[in-house]
């Protein structure tokens, strides 16, 4: 039986080829890949947020269950770290350009 697309592992470089090309061209390889990563994390946050609407805490009505809160916290922190790396790379590139 041939593997389905669900079971076949696809590389992020294959799945996001067009976005990677665009952002790597605009920002360079490292910052471009981080920009695509930021978009992927943002999309994941949207999906988790939608799930949180339906999985409400019994203890705290109006709030998502604890595991969803923890996932959102982790994704938010990951975005913060990615953003800081992008800014540092940008700063280094600008400094290198000024030294030329």
Protein backbone atom coordinates (compact mmCIF):
# COMPACT_ATOMS: atom_id res chain seq x y z
CA UNK A 1 0.00 0.00 0.00
CA UNK A 2 1.56 3.37 -1.01
CA UNK A 3 2.14 5.87 1.79
CA UNK A 4 -0.38 8.66 2.05
CA UNK A 5 0.70 12.28 2.14
CA UNK A 6 -0.24 12.27 5.83
CA UNK A 7 2.29 9.58 6.65
CA UNK A 8 5.07 10.79 4.38
CA UNK A 9 7.54 13.11 6.09
CA UNK A 10 8.01 16.29 4.09
CA UNK A 11 10.86 18.65 4.70
CA UNK A 12 10.04 22.18 5.78
CA UNK A 13 12.29 23.25 2.91
CA UNK A 14 9.91 21.47 0.51
CA UNK A 15 6.69 22.58 2.18
CA UNK A 16 7.66 26.25 2.32
CA UNK A 17 9.86 26.47 -0.79
CA UNK A 18 8.19 29.58 -2.26
CA UNK A 19 8.10 31.51 1.01
CA UNK A 20 11.71 30.59 1.77
CA UNK A 21 12.86 31.76 -1.66
CA UNK A 22 11.06 35.07 -1.27
CA UNK A 23 12.21 35.86 2.26
CA UNK A 24 15.77 34.57 1.78
CA UNK A 25 16.09 36.83 -1.27
CA UNK A 26 14.77 39.86 0.65
CA UNK A 27 16.52 39.28 3.99
CA UNK A 28 19.33 36.81 3.43
CA UNK A 29 19.32 33.10 4.26
CA UNK A 30 19.31 33.25 8.07
CA UNK A 31 16.82 36.07 8.55
CA UNK A 32 14.65 34.76 5.71
CA UNK A 33 14.38 31.33 7.29
CA UNK A 34 13.61 32.89 10.64
CA UNK A 35 10.88 35.01 9.04
CA UNK A 36 9.25 31.90 7.58
CA UNK A 37 9.62 30.18 10.96
CA UNK A 38 7.89 33.15 12.58
CA UNK A 39 5.00 32.79 10.12
CA UNK A 40 4.72 29.06 10.87
CA UNK A 41 4.68 29.70 14.63
CA UNK A 42 2.06 32.44 14.14
CA UNK A 43 -0.12 30.02 12.16
CA UNK A 44 0.27 27.42 14.92
CA UNK A 45 -0.78 30.02 17.49
CA UNK A 46 -3.92 30.78 15.48
CA UNK A 47 -4.82 27.08 15.35
CA UNK A 48 -4.19 26.59 19.06
CA UNK A 49 -6.19 29.73 19.80
CA UNK A 50 -9.15 28.40 17.81
CA UNK A 51 -8.90 25.11 19.68
CA UNK A 52 -8.86 27.05 22.96
CA UNK A 53 -12.24 28.56 22.15
CA UNK A 54 -13.78 25.08 22.21
CA UNK A 55 -11.76 23.64 25.09
CA UNK A 56 -12.74 25.86 27.97
CA UNK A 57 -11.58 25.32 31.53
CA UNK A 58 -14.22 23.97 33.90
CA UNK A 59 -12.50 25.67 36.80
CA UNK A 60 -12.05 29.06 35.08
CA UNK A 61 -14.87 29.63 32.59
CA UNK A 62 -13.86 31.84 29.68
CA UNK A 63 -10.25 30.61 29.76
CA UNK A 64 -8.82 27.76 27.72
CA UNK A 65 -7.75 24.56 29.44
CA UNK A 66 -4.32 24.63 31.07
CA UNK A 67 -2.50 22.62 28.39
CA UNK A 68 -3.63 25.06 25.70
CA UNK A 69 -2.54 27.99 27.86
CA UNK A 70 0.90 26.38 28.23
CA UNK A 71 1.22 25.73 24.49
CA UNK A 72 0.28 29.35 23.72
CA UNK A 73 2.80 30.59 26.30
CA UNK A 74 5.53 28.46 24.74
CA UNK A 75 4.69 29.61 21.21
CA UNK A 76 4.65 33.25 22.32
CA UNK A 77 8.05 32.84 23.96
CA UNK A 78 9.42 31.10 20.85
CA UNK A 79 8.27 34.04 18.72
CA UNK A 80 9.95 36.45 21.12
CA UNK A 81 13.25 34.57 20.83
CA UNK A 82 13.01 34.29 17.03
CA UNK A 83 12.32 38.01 16.80
CA UNK A 84 15.32 38.83 18.97
CA UNK A 85 17.61 36.72 16.77
CA UNK A 86 16.24 38.43 13.64
CA UNK A 87 16.92 41.85 15.17
CA UNK A 88 20.45 40.84 16.19
CA UNK A 89 21.22 39.56 12.70
CA UNK A 90 19.84 42.77 11.21
CA UNK A 91 21.96 44.85 13.58
CA UNK A 92 25.08 42.86 12.70
CA UNK A 93 24.41 43.23 8.98
CA UNK A 94 23.87 46.98 9.27
CA UNK A 95 27.06 47.32 11.30
CA UNK A 96 29.01 45.32 8.70
CA UNK A 97 27.56 47.50 5.92
CA UNK A 98 28.69 50.67 7.75
CA UNK A 99 32.22 49.28 8.12
CA UNK A 100 32.60 48.75 4.38
